[in-house]
Amino acid sequence: MYRLRLTLALAAMLALVCAQAAFVHWGAIRVDSYAAHSRLTSDLLSELLDLSANKQRLRNWAAQQVMGAGAQDATRERLLDAMDASARRLAQMSRRHLESWQEISARDGGAIPDGVTRLVDISDLLGAHIAQLRSQLRQLQPHADGTGFDAVWRELNQVFDMAHGRDLRDLLNGAIEGQRRAVPIARAATEDGIRRLRLRAVVMVGLTFVLATGLYLHLSRRLKRPLDALLEGTQALQAGRLEHRIPVRSSDEFGRVAAHFNAMAHELQLHREAAEAVRRQLEEQVRARTHELEEAHQRLQRLDQRRRQLFADLGHELRTPATVIRGEADIALRAAALPAQDYRLALGRIVSAVKQLTGLVDDLMLVARAEADELDIAPQRVALATLMEEAIAQAQTLAATHRQRIEAAPIPDGLEIHADPIRLRQALLIVIDNAIRYSRPQGTVRVAWDLRGDDIALSVRDEGIGIAPEEISQVFERFVRGQRARRHRADGTGIGLSIAKAILDAHGGHIEIDSRVDIGTTVRLLLPFSQPA
């Protein structure tokens, strides 16, 4: 409601200005009234003095006329006309003078002086007296011999001084004396009226000042607090303190502005929080992406290292049989005629080296098919006992070479699984081969089986070097070999367990590994026990 208050304040100021203008106009009229009264009093005195002077001149003319001293009729008429004009003006001014005194008496209080009403009476007598005097003076004849002069002069004095039985000379002298006293009274009344007007003007100015000051203080206080609050709010927003709120202390325009300001600050705060959330989300995504890129970079570095290691290992693996083949062929070609038995032995060694090369190539082909999800299997009903016997029989030669023993748990004859016998035997041989190669001499490799719910588990446990805990998660990665494995055995491609895992995955199974460093490793091949025919 500040707008209503401001409107009322402006209306009050406008009313006060109008009142001051009206007061100034009224004061000007009052001052003019006092000035006119003072001028009228002075003019009455001047007219009375002029009238008295012309009457005296006319008396002198009459004396000259009686004595025959050559008085001119024109002079008489001029003086009579002047007295008649003075009498008319005196009658008008005396009435205005009476009205002025009546107005002053009614406005300021006080009685009307007696001389004012007497002056009106005198002005009424003067007109008839001058007409009578004009008639008498026109009939006045000269008396050169001096006879009857005294009687004529007394008669003239009677005409000059008496009007309707009243002594006109005393009346005029009294009126003149009264006007002389009235002039300072009128001036004093004028000054007193002006003084009162001045006092009222001062009071009006004081009231105006007090009211204007009060309105200024009230409006400034009402305006200063909300403006300071708004300024503080804008500075807070500029400083980024979007939680700042302006107290809403009223329901006027400033209260609504404060409420809108708070709503705006709330919206800005929500937008900033949303922006902060988006920024944090983007930063988190950037960090996650950066982490992924770092991990990808590390994987690429590891893959590159593995690639180089693979090429070194493949070079070593390929070089050995290739060297055997080349050496046996060179010996057979360079030597003189050898017995047929020697040639057979050389060809046998060559065939063995070629088989080694073929097995390595087959392993690489199997890895490539597994990566392309093109690993073909031919599942059928397979006796588990037969499968394990064949795998152990093939591994016995390697075990004997490394001075290892293989112990196998007995398997019932009727126990069958649905699997590809060639691929599953290959996976079992890979696990047994690793157990033999990474065990110490005079060790034992134990092959067992058990049922786990709907799965059948084939376990191979050795007493070898074990696998470090930090390398367990990498044993199924292709071409990866741990540090302990490299120190124990320099040759190897690191693709055996990845091939076994691919074979188990193709059968719907999986591999589990438990290992303890320098104690041994247990590898379990888990396959679904019941498969559709």
Protein backbone atom coordinates (compact mmCIF):
# COMPACT_ATOMS: atom_id res chain seq x y z
CA MET A 1 0.00 0.00 0.00
CA TYR A 2 3.02 2.24 -0.29
CA ARG A 3 1.68 3.59 -3.58
CA LEU A 4 -1.53 4.67 -1.79
CA ARG A 5 0.49 6.33 0.94
CA LEU A 6 2.64 8.11 -1.60
CA THR A 7 -0.48 9.25 -3.45
CA LEU A 8 -2.02 10.55 -0.23
CA ALA A 9 1.22 12.31 0.69
CA LEU A 10 1.41 13.99 -2.71
CA ALA A 11 -2.26 14.92 -2.46
CA ALA A 12 -1.62 16.45 0.98
CA MET A 13 1.34 18.40 -0.37
CA LEU A 14 -0.76 19.57 -3.32
CA ALA A 15 -3.57 20.61 -0.97
CA LEU A 16 -1.04 22.43 1.19
CA VAL A 17 0.36 24.23 -1.85
CA CYS A 18 -3.16 25.18 -2.92
CA ALA A 19 -3.89 26.41 0.61
CA GLN A 20 -0.72 28.47 0.55
CA ALA A 21 -1.69 29.90 -2.84
CA ALA A 22 -5.16 30.72 -1.52
CA PHE A 23 -3.64 32.27 1.58
CA VAL A 24 -1.27 34.35 -0.52
CA HIS A 25 -4.18 35.49 -2.68
CA TRP A 26 -6.27 36.28 0.39
CA GLY A 27 -3.33 38.05 2.00
CA ALA A 28 -2.79 40.12 -1.12
CA ILE A 29 -6.44 41.13 -1.02
CA ARG A 30 -6.17 42.00 2.67
CA VAL A 31 -3.03 44.04 2.14
CA ASP A 32 -4.65 45.82 -0.77
CA SER A 33 -7.70 46.47 1.42
CA TYR A 34 -5.55 47.95 4.19
CA ALA A 35 -3.58 50.02 1.70
CA ALA A 36 -6.78 51.26 0.03
CA HIS A 37 -8.19 52.20 3.44
CA SER A 38 -5.05 54.09 4.33
CA ARG A 39 -5.03 55.89 0.92
CA LEU A 40 -8.74 56.69 1.26
CA THR A 41 -8.18 58.26 4.68
CA SER A 42 -5.36 60.38 3.27
CA ASP A 43 -7.44 61.34 0.23
CA LEU A 44 -10.35 62.43 2.47
CA LEU A 45 -8.03 64.66 4.41
CA SER A 46 -6.71 66.15 1.17
CA GLU A 47 -10.23 66.76 -0.14
CA LEU A 48 -11.30 68.42 3.14
CA LEU A 49 -8.24 70.65 3.07
CA ASP A 50 -8.86 71.55 -0.58
CA LEU A 51 -12.49 72.26 0.14
CA SER A 52 -11.61 74.44 3.13
CA ALA A 53 -9.00 76.32 1.11
CA ASN A 54 -11.36 76.97 -1.83
CA LYS A 55 -14.05 78.11 0.62
CA GLN A 56 -11.62 80.58 2.10
CA ARG A 57 -10.68 81.81 -1.35
CA LEU A 58 -14.32 82.19 -2.22
CA ARG A 59 -14.82 84.19 1.00
CA ASN A 60 -12.00 86.50 -0.06
CA TRP A 61 -13.64 86.89 -3.47
CA ALA A 62 -16.93 87.84 -1.82
CA ALA A 63 -15.15 90.47 0.29
CA GLN A 64 -13.59 91.96 -2.80
CA GLN A 65 -16.97 91.89 -4.55
CA VAL A 66 -18.69 93.72 -1.72
CA MET A 67 -15.95 96.31 -1.53
CA GLY A 68 -15.95 96.72 -5.32
CA ALA A 69 -12.32 95.70 -5.60
CA GLY A 70 -12.74 94.18 -9.04
CA ALA A 71 -13.60 90.58 -8.24
CA GLN A 72 -14.07 88.45 -11.35
CA ASP A 73 -17.18 86.32 -11.89
CA ALA A 74 -15.03 83.66 -13.60
CA THR A 75 -12.99 83.30 -10.44
CA ARG A 76 -16.20 82.84 -8.44
CA GLU A 77 -17.48 80.17 -10.82
CA ARG A 78 -14.16 78.40 -10.88
CA LEU A 79 -13.99 78.26 -7.11
CA LEU A 80 -17.60 77.17 -6.81
CA ASP A 81 -17.06 74.42 -9.42
CA ALA A 82 -13.99 73.26 -7.59
CA MET A 83 -15.88 73.18 -4.29
CA ASP A 84 -18.79 71.35 -5.93
CA ALA A 85 -16.41 68.73 -7.41
CA SER A 86 -14.68 68.37 -4.03
CA ALA A 87 -18.07 67.94 -2.35
CA ARG A 88 -19.06 65.19 -4.77
CA ARG A 89 -15.75 63.40 -4.38
CA LEU A 90 -15.97 63.85 -0.65
CA ALA A 91 -19.44 62.29 -0.62
CA GLN A 92 -18.19 59.25 -2.58
CA MET A 93 -15.02 58.83 -0.56
CA SER A 94 -16.79 59.28 2.77
CA ARG A 95 -19.20 56.48 1.92
CA ARG A 96 -16.35 54.22 0.77
CA HIS A 97 -14.51 55.21 3.92
CA LEU A 98 -17.51 54.20 6.01
CA GLU A 99 -17.77 50.86 4.17
CA SER A 100 -14.04 50.26 4.67
CA TRP A 101 -14.31 50.90 8.40
CA GLN A 102 -17.34 48.65 8.58
CA GLU A 103 -15.38 45.85 6.83
CA ILE A 104 -12.37 46.33 9.09
CA SER A 105 -14.58 46.42 12.18
CA ALA A 106 -16.37 43.24 11.13
CA ARG A 107 -13.11 41.48 10.23
CA ASP A 108 -10.76 42.65 12.95
CA GLY A 109 -13.23 43.78 15.62
CA GLY A 110 -13.48 47.23 17.21
CA ALA A 111 -15.86 50.19 16.87
CA ILE A 112 -16.17 52.59 13.96
CA PRO A 113 -14.86 56.08 14.87
CA ASP A 114 -17.56 58.80 15.25
CA GLY A 115 -15.82 61.10 12.80
CA VAL A 116 -16.48 58.60 10.00
CA THR A 117 -20.27 58.92 10.22
CA ARG A 118 -20.04 62.71 10.79
CA LEU A 119 -18.00 62.97 7.64
CA VAL A 120 -20.82 61.30 5.69
CA ASP A 121 -23.28 63.80 7.16
CA ILE A 122 -20.99 66.72 6.30
CA SER A 123 -20.63 65.51 2.71
CA ASP A 124 -24.44 65.36 2.44
CA LEU A 125 -24.76 69.01 3.71
CA LEU A 126 -22.07 70.33 1.42
CA GLY A 127 -23.96 69.80 -1.83
CA ALA A 128 -27.00 71.86 -0.84
CA HIS A 129 -24.75 74.42 0.92
CA ILE A 130 -22.66 75.02 -2.18
CA ALA A 131 -25.78 75.37 -4.35
CA GLN A 132 -27.16 77.94 -1.84
CA LEU A 133 -23.81 79.65 -1.73
CA ARG A 134 -23.68 79.80 -5.53
CA SER A 135 -27.11 81.47 -5.66
CA GLN A 136 -26.23 84.08 -2.98
CA LEU A 137 -22.86 84.96 -4.47
CA ARG A 138 -24.27 85.50 -7.94
CA GLN A 139 -26.66 88.09 -6.46
CA LEU A 140 -23.92 89.83 -4.53
CA GLN A 141 -23.44 93.46 -5.60
CA PRO A 142 -20.54 95.82 -4.83
CA HIS A 143 -20.91 98.53 -2.10
CA ALA A 144 -18.28 101.01 -2.98
CA ASP A 145 -19.54 103.70 -0.62
CA GLY A 146 -19.34 101.34 2.31
CA THR A 147 -22.96 101.71 3.27
CA GLY A 148 -24.55 98.47 4.53
CA PHE A 149 -21.22 96.69 4.30
CA ASP A 150 -21.39 95.25 7.78
CA ALA A 151 -24.90 93.91 7.28
CA VAL A 152 -23.99 92.35 3.95
CA TRP A 153 -20.83 90.80 5.41
CA ARG A 154 -22.65 89.28 8.33
CA GLU A 155 -25.20 87.88 5.91
CA LEU A 156 -22.37 86.42 3.77
CA ASN A 157 -20.71 84.91 6.81
CA GLN A 158 -24.05 83.40 7.75
CA VAL A 159 -24.26 81.89 4.25
CA PHE A 160 -20.67 80.65 4.35
CA ASP A 161 -20.76 79.19 7.89
CA MET A 162 -24.31 77.89 8.43
CA ALA A 163 -26.11 75.02 6.64
CA HIS A 164 -29.50 73.85 7.79
CA GLY A 165 -28.96 75.46 11.11
CA ARG A 166 -25.57 73.82 11.73
CA ASP A 167 -22.20 75.53 11.95
CA LEU A 168 -20.47 74.29 8.83
CA ARG A 169 -17.17 75.84 9.79
CA ASP A 170 -16.97 73.88 13.00
CA LEU A 171 -18.07 70.75 11.17
CA LEU A 172 -15.34 71.14 8.53
CA ASN A 173 -12.68 71.98 11.08
CA GLY A 174 -13.79 69.04 13.18
CA ALA A 175 -13.76 66.76 10.15
CA ILE A 176 -10.29 67.95 9.18
CA GLU A 177 -9.03 67.46 12.68
CA GLY A 178 -10.70 64.05 12.81
CA GLN A 179 -9.13 63.00 9.52
CA ARG A 180 -5.75 64.14 10.73
CA ARG A 181 -6.19 61.85 13.69
CA ALA A 182 -7.64 59.08 11.46
CA VAL A 183 -4.66 58.99 9.10
CA PRO A 184 -2.21 57.55 11.67
CA ILE A 185 -4.99 55.32 13.00
CA ALA A 186 -5.58 53.97 9.49
CA ARG A 187 -1.85 53.51 8.98
CA ALA A 188 -1.61 51.73 12.31
CA ALA A 189 -4.56 49.54 11.38
CA THR A 190 -2.91 48.79 8.05
CA GLU A 191 0.39 47.92 9.73
CA ASP A 192 -1.41 45.80 12.31
CA GLY A 193 -3.28 43.94 9.59
CA ILE A 194 -0.08 43.40 7.65
CA ARG A 195 1.62 42.22 10.84
CA ARG A 196 -1.17 39.70 11.46
CA LEU A 197 -0.95 38.57 7.85
CA ARG A 198 2.80 38.17 8.23
CA LEU A 199 2.30 36.15 11.41
CA ARG A 200 -0.24 33.94 9.69
CA ALA A 201 2.09 33.52 6.75
CA VAL A 202 4.87 32.45 9.12
CA VAL A 203 2.50 30.00 10.81
CA MET A 204 1.43 28.67 7.40
CA VAL A 205 5.04 28.26 6.32
CA GLY A 206 5.85 26.57 9.63
CA LEU A 207 2.94 24.17 9.25
CA THR A 208 3.95 23.47 5.69
CA PHE A 209 7.53 22.81 6.77
CA VAL A 210 6.47 20.55 9.63
CA LEU A 211 4.05 18.61 7.45
CA ALA A 212 6.56 18.30 4.60
CA THR A 213 9.28 17.22 7.04
CA GLY A 214 6.96 14.68 8.61
CA LEU A 215 5.97 13.31 5.23
CA TYR A 216 9.61 13.20 4.16
CA LEU A 217 10.72 11.35 7.29
CA HIS A 218 7.81 8.93 7.12
CA LEU A 219 8.23 8.19 3.44
CA SER A 220 12.01 8.04 3.66
CA ARG A 221 11.83 5.54 6.54
CA ARG A 222 9.23 3.52 4.68
CA LEU A 223 11.37 3.70 1.55
CA LYS A 224 14.82 3.31 3.06
CA ARG A 225 14.32 -0.03 4.85
CA PRO A 226 12.96 -1.96 1.85
CA LEU A 227 15.45 -0.34 -0.53
CA ASP A 228 18.34 -1.22 1.79
CA ALA A 229 17.00 -4.78 1.99
CA LEU A 230 16.72 -4.96 -1.81
CA LEU A 231 20.23 -3.53 -2.21
CA GLU A 232 21.59 -6.06 0.27
CA GLY A 233 19.78 -8.83 -1.61
CA THR A 234 21.17 -7.78 -4.99
CA GLN A 235 24.68 -7.56 -3.52
CA ALA A 236 24.23 -11.04 -2.04
CA LEU A 237 23.15 -12.39 -5.43
CA GLN A 238 26.08 -10.64 -7.07
CA ALA A 239 28.39 -12.31 -4.54
CA GLY A 240 26.83 -15.69 -5.36
CA ARG A 241 24.93 -16.16 -2.08
CA LEU A 242 21.73 -17.43 -3.70
CA GLU A 243 20.43 -18.70 -0.35
CA HIS A 244 19.95 -15.10 0.81
CA ARG A 245 16.30 -14.11 1.32
CA ILE A 246 14.71 -10.70 1.98
CA PRO A 247 12.37 -10.62 5.01
CA VAL A 248 8.79 -9.90 3.92
CA ARG A 249 7.48 -7.52 6.60
CA SER A 250 4.47 -6.04 4.80
CA SER A 251 1.93 -6.74 2.11
CA ASP A 252 2.54 -3.54 0.14
CA GLU A 253 4.45 -3.11 -3.09
CA PHE A 254 7.82 -3.56 -1.37
CA GLY A 255 6.56 -6.75 0.27
CA ARG A 256 5.50 -8.09 -3.13
CA VAL A 257 8.84 -7.05 -4.64
CA ALA A 258 10.63 -8.85 -1.78
CA ALA A 259 8.47 -11.96 -2.33
CA HIS A 260 9.20 -11.91 -6.08
CA PHE A 261 12.89 -11.36 -5.33
CA ASN A 262 12.92 -14.37 -2.99
CA ALA A 263 11.12 -16.47 -5.62
CA MET A 264 13.69 -15.39 -8.22
CA ALA A 265 16.57 -16.21 -5.84
CA HIS A 266 14.99 -19.63 -5.17
CA GLU A 267 14.70 -20.31 -8.89
CA LEU A 268 18.30 -19.22 -9.43
CA GLN A 269 19.39 -21.43 -6.54
CA LEU A 270 17.54 -24.40 -8.04
CA HIS A 271 19.09 -23.70 -11.45
CA ARG A 272 22.55 -23.41 -9.92
CA GLU A 273 22.05 -26.62 -7.94
CA ALA A 274 20.87 -28.32 -11.11
CA ALA A 275 23.86 -26.90 -12.98
CA GLU A 276 26.15 -28.02 -10.16
CA ALA A 277 24.59 -31.48 -10.27
CA VAL A 278 25.06 -31.60 -14.04
CA ARG A 279 28.62 -30.32 -13.65
CA ARG A 280 29.38 -32.93 -10.98
CA GLN A 281 27.77 -35.59 -13.15
CA LEU A 282 29.85 -34.47 -16.12
CA GLU A 283 32.98 -34.39 -13.98
CA GLU A 284 32.14 -37.86 -12.70
CA GLN A 285 31.56 -39.04 -16.25
CA VAL A 286 34.79 -37.40 -17.35
CA ARG A 287 36.64 -39.05 -14.44
CA ALA A 288 35.00 -42.37 -15.22
CA ARG A 289 35.77 -41.97 -18.91
CA THR A 290 39.31 -40.90 -18.09
CA HIS A 291 39.64 -43.92 -15.81
CA GLU A 292 38.27 -46.13 -18.58
CA LEU A 293 40.68 -44.58 -21.05
CA GLU A 294 43.55 -45.05 -18.60
CA GLU A 295 42.51 -48.66 -18.06
CA ALA A 296 42.14 -49.11 -21.82
CA HIS A 297 45.55 -47.55 -22.28
CA GLN A 298 46.99 -49.84 -19.65
CA ARG A 299 45.26 -52.81 -21.26
CA LEU A 300 46.67 -51.78 -24.60
CA GLN A 301 50.09 -51.49 -23.04
CA ARG A 302 49.66 -54.91 -21.44
CA LEU A 303 48.36 -56.31 -24.70
CA ASP A 304 51.29 -54.78 -26.53
CA GLN A 305 53.64 -56.25 -23.96
CA ARG A 306 51.86 -59.59 -24.26
CA ARG A 307 52.03 -59.33 -28.04
CA ARG A 308 55.77 -58.82 -27.87
CA GLN A 309 56.06 -61.61 -25.32
CA LEU A 310 53.81 -63.80 -27.50
CA PHE A 311 55.99 -63.17 -30.50
CA ALA A 312 59.03 -64.04 -28.40
CA ASP A 313 57.36 -67.16 -27.02
CA LEU A 314 56.02 -68.19 -30.42
CA GLY A 315 59.43 -67.59 -31.86
CA HIS A 316 60.93 -69.80 -29.19
CA GLU A 317 58.23 -72.47 -29.57
CA LEU A 318 58.51 -72.49 -33.35
CA ARG A 319 62.28 -72.23 -33.40
CA THR A 320 62.79 -75.48 -31.41
CA PRO A 321 60.90 -77.87 -33.75
CA ALA A 322 62.07 -75.95 -36.78
CA THR A 323 65.68 -76.29 -35.60
CA VAL A 324 65.16 -80.00 -35.01
CA ILE A 325 63.70 -80.46 -38.50
CA ARG A 326 66.44 -78.46 -40.16
CA GLY A 327 69.19 -80.17 -38.17
CA GLU A 328 67.94 -83.67 -38.88
CA ALA A 329 67.51 -82.86 -42.57
CA ASP A 330 71.00 -81.30 -42.84
CA ILE A 331 72.58 -84.31 -41.17
CA ALA A 332 70.74 -86.72 -43.47
CA LEU A 333 71.71 -84.75 -46.56
CA ARG A 334 75.35 -84.11 -45.74
CA ALA A 335 76.25 -87.47 -44.34
CA ALA A 336 77.44 -90.29 -46.51
CA ALA A 337 75.28 -93.26 -47.01
CA LEU A 338 73.69 -94.08 -43.68
CA PRO A 339 71.96 -97.18 -42.61
CA ALA A 340 68.24 -97.26 -43.18
CA GLN A 341 67.69 -97.35 -39.43
CA ASP A 342 69.40 -93.96 -38.98
CA TYR A 343 67.22 -92.46 -41.69
CA ARG A 344 64.13 -93.81 -39.96
CA LEU A 345 65.25 -92.27 -36.66
CA ALA A 346 65.87 -88.90 -38.34
CA LEU A 347 62.50 -88.98 -40.08
CA GLY A 348 60.85 -89.97 -36.80
CA ARG A 349 62.38 -86.94 -35.08
CA ILE A 350 61.30 -84.74 -37.99
CA VAL A 351 57.73 -86.10 -37.78
CA SER A 352 57.70 -85.45 -33.99
CA ALA A 353 58.83 -81.84 -34.54
CA VAL A 354 56.17 -81.38 -37.23
CA LYS A 355 53.53 -82.69 -34.84
CA GLN A 356 54.73 -80.17 -32.28
CA LEU A 357 54.37 -77.39 -34.84
CA THR A 358 50.96 -78.68 -35.88
CA GLY A 359 49.77 -78.77 -32.26
CA LEU A 360 50.91 -75.18 -31.76
CA VAL A 361 49.10 -74.06 -34.92
CA ASP A 362 46.00 -75.99 -33.87
CA ASP A 363 46.08 -74.22 -30.52
CA LEU A 364 46.29 -70.85 -32.22
CA MET A 365 43.43 -71.75 -34.56
CA LEU A 366 41.31 -72.87 -31.59
CA VAL A 367 41.96 -69.55 -29.81
CA ALA A 368 40.98 -67.63 -32.95
CA ARG A 369 37.73 -69.61 -33.28
CA ALA A 370 36.92 -69.08 -29.61
CA GLU A 371 37.41 -65.34 -29.99
CA ALA A 372 35.06 -65.35 -32.98
CA ASP A 373 32.53 -67.58 -31.15
CA GLU A 374 33.02 -70.17 -33.87
CA LEU A 375 34.30 -73.02 -31.70
CA ASP A 376 32.54 -76.16 -32.95
CA ILE A 377 31.74 -79.03 -30.60
CA ALA A 378 30.04 -82.37 -31.23
CA PRO A 379 28.43 -83.39 -27.92
CA GLN A 380 27.50 -87.02 -27.26
CA ARG A 381 27.04 -89.42 -24.36
CA VAL A 382 30.52 -90.06 -22.98
CA ALA A 383 31.56 -92.40 -20.19
CA LEU A 384 33.42 -90.24 -17.69
CA ALA A 385 35.68 -93.08 -16.57
CA THR A 386 36.86 -93.77 -20.13
CA LEU A 387 37.46 -90.05 -20.76
CA MET A 388 39.58 -89.64 -17.64
CA GLU A 389 41.55 -92.87 -18.28
CA GLU A 390 42.47 -91.77 -21.80
CA ALA A 391 43.55 -88.30 -20.63
CA ILE A 392 45.62 -89.72 -17.76
CA ALA A 393 47.22 -92.29 -20.10
CA GLN A 394 48.30 -89.54 -22.49
CA ALA A 395 49.72 -87.52 -19.57
CA GLN A 396 51.65 -90.39 -18.00
CA THR A 397 54.57 -90.00 -20.38
CA LEU A 398 54.96 -86.29 -19.51
CA ALA A 399 54.60 -87.10 -15.81
CA ALA A 400 57.33 -89.71 -16.02
CA THR A 401 59.59 -87.23 -17.79
CA HIS A 402 59.12 -84.69 -14.95
CA ARG A 403 59.29 -87.41 -12.28
CA GLN A 404 55.69 -86.87 -11.26
CA ARG A 405 52.99 -89.32 -10.20
CA ILE A 406 49.34 -89.13 -11.26
CA GLU A 407 46.70 -90.45 -8.90
CA ALA A 408 43.10 -90.78 -10.12
CA ALA A 409 39.99 -91.39 -8.03
CA PRO A 410 37.89 -94.34 -9.24
CA ILE A 411 34.80 -93.46 -11.30
CA PRO A 412 31.74 -95.71 -11.58
CA ASP A 413 31.39 -97.35 -14.99
CA GLY A 414 27.83 -96.16 -15.61
CA LEU A 415 28.57 -92.46 -15.04
CA GLU A 416 28.11 -90.55 -18.31
CA ILE A 417 28.04 -86.94 -19.38
CA HIS A 418 26.86 -85.18 -22.52
CA ALA A 419 29.99 -83.62 -24.06
CA ASP A 420 32.40 -83.54 -26.98
CA PRO A 421 34.94 -86.20 -25.92
CA ILE A 422 37.80 -84.79 -28.00
CA ARG A 423 37.42 -81.17 -26.79
CA LEU A 424 36.75 -82.16 -23.17
CA ARG A 425 39.76 -84.51 -23.14
CA GLN A 426 41.84 -81.66 -24.61
CA ALA A 427 40.73 -79.34 -21.79
CA LEU A 428 41.47 -82.00 -19.14
CA LEU A 429 44.89 -82.68 -20.68
CA ILE A 430 45.70 -78.94 -20.65
CA VAL A 431 44.96 -78.77 -16.91
CA ILE A 432 46.89 -81.99 -16.12
CA ASP A 433 49.78 -80.82 -18.34
CA ASN A 434 50.01 -77.50 -16.40
CA ALA A 435 49.87 -79.38 -13.08
CA ILE A 436 52.79 -81.59 -14.17
CA ARG A 437 54.92 -78.84 -15.69
CA TYR A 438 54.60 -76.39 -12.77
CA SER A 439 55.16 -78.98 -10.00
CA ARG A 440 58.43 -79.90 -8.37
CA PRO A 441 60.03 -83.30 -8.98
CA GLN A 442 58.69 -86.23 -6.94
CA GLY A 443 55.36 -84.48 -6.70
CA THR A 444 51.90 -85.95 -7.07
CA VAL A 445 49.08 -84.79 -9.32
CA ARG A 446 45.66 -85.95 -8.07
CA VAL A 447 42.68 -86.21 -10.42
CA ALA A 448 39.23 -86.56 -8.79
CA TRP A 449 35.57 -85.97 -9.40
CA ASP A 450 32.45 -85.05 -7.38
CA LEU A 451 28.89 -83.86 -7.87
CA ARG A 452 27.89 -80.26 -7.06
CA GLY A 453 24.16 -79.91 -7.41
CA ASP A 454 23.37 -80.19 -11.12
CA ASP A 455 27.07 -80.01 -12.06
CA ILE A 456 29.84 -82.59 -12.11
CA ALA A 457 33.27 -81.33 -11.15
CA LEU A 458 36.55 -82.78 -12.42
CA SER A 459 39.39 -81.52 -10.19
CA VAL A 460 43.15 -81.59 -10.77
CA ARG A 461 45.30 -80.78 -7.72
CA ASP A 462 49.07 -80.42 -7.77
CA GLU A 463 51.84 -79.71 -5.25
CA GLY A 464 53.53 -77.11 -7.41
CA ILE A 465 54.68 -73.50 -7.20
CA GLY A 466 51.15 -72.03 -6.95
CA ILE A 467 49.83 -68.79 -8.40
CA ALA A 468 50.19 -65.34 -6.79
CA PRO A 469 46.79 -63.88 -5.64
CA GLU A 470 47.18 -60.82 -7.85
CA GLU A 471 47.68 -63.06 -10.90
CA ILE A 472 44.63 -65.31 -10.38
CA SER A 473 42.35 -62.95 -12.35
CA GLN A 474 44.73 -63.02 -15.34
CA VAL A 475 45.31 -66.76 -15.77
CA PHE A 476 42.48 -67.10 -18.30
CA GLU A 477 43.71 -64.22 -20.46
CA ARG A 478 45.36 -65.33 -23.66
CA PHE A 479 49.14 -65.19 -23.91
CA VAL A 480 49.51 -64.21 -20.26
CA ARG A 481 52.03 -65.94 -18.02
CA GLY A 482 52.80 -64.98 -14.44
CA GLN A 483 56.22 -64.07 -13.10
CA ARG A 484 56.54 -67.26 -11.06
CA ALA A 485 55.58 -69.37 -14.10
CA ARG A 486 58.24 -67.66 -16.22
CA ARG A 487 60.92 -68.17 -13.60
CA HIS A 488 59.97 -71.85 -13.18
CA ARG A 489 59.66 -72.59 -16.91
CA ALA A 490 60.85 -70.34 -19.70
CA ASP A 491 58.91 -71.98 -22.55
CA GLY A 492 55.13 -71.81 -22.94
CA THR A 493 52.63 -69.64 -24.82
CA GLY A 494 50.15 -68.82 -22.04
CA ILE A 495 47.12 -69.96 -24.05
CA GLY A 496 46.43 -73.32 -22.40
CA LEU A 497 43.95 -72.24 -19.75
CA SER A 498 42.24 -69.80 -22.12
CA ILE A 499 41.67 -72.79 -24.49
CA ALA A 500 40.33 -74.90 -21.63
CA LYS A 501 37.99 -72.08 -20.55
CA ALA A 502 36.71 -71.64 -24.12
CA ILE A 503 35.97 -75.41 -24.32
CA LEU A 504 34.15 -75.36 -20.96
CA ASP A 505 32.17 -72.23 -21.96
CA ALA A 506 31.11 -73.99 -25.19
CA HIS A 507 29.79 -76.89 -23.05
CA GLY A 508 27.89 -74.50 -20.74
CA GLY A 509 30.33 -75.04 -17.87
CA HIS A 510 33.09 -73.05 -16.22
CA ILE A 511 36.48 -73.35 -14.48
CA GLU A 512 37.37 -72.57 -10.88
CA ILE A 513 40.93 -72.14 -9.54
CA ASP A 514 42.15 -72.25 -5.92
CA SER A 515 45.86 -71.68 -5.40
CA ARG A 516 48.34 -71.07 -2.60
CA VAL A 517 51.89 -69.99 -3.33
CA ASP A 518 54.46 -72.79 -2.88
CA ILE A 519 51.74 -75.21 -1.73
CA GLY A 520 49.80 -76.01 -4.87
CA THR A 521 46.90 -75.30 -7.17
CA THR A 522 43.49 -76.94 -7.60
CA VAL A 523 41.65 -76.52 -10.90
CA ARG A 524 38.01 -77.63 -11.17
CA LEU A 525 36.23 -78.22 -14.46
CA LEU A 526 32.48 -77.91 -13.84
CA LEU A 527 30.05 -79.32 -16.44
CA PRO A 528 26.29 -79.71 -16.46
CA PHE A 529 25.60 -83.26 -15.34
CA SER A 530 22.32 -83.68 -17.23
CA GLN A 531 22.18 -82.63 -20.88
CA PRO A 532 19.50 -83.30 -23.50
CA ALA A 533 20.32 -86.05 -25.91
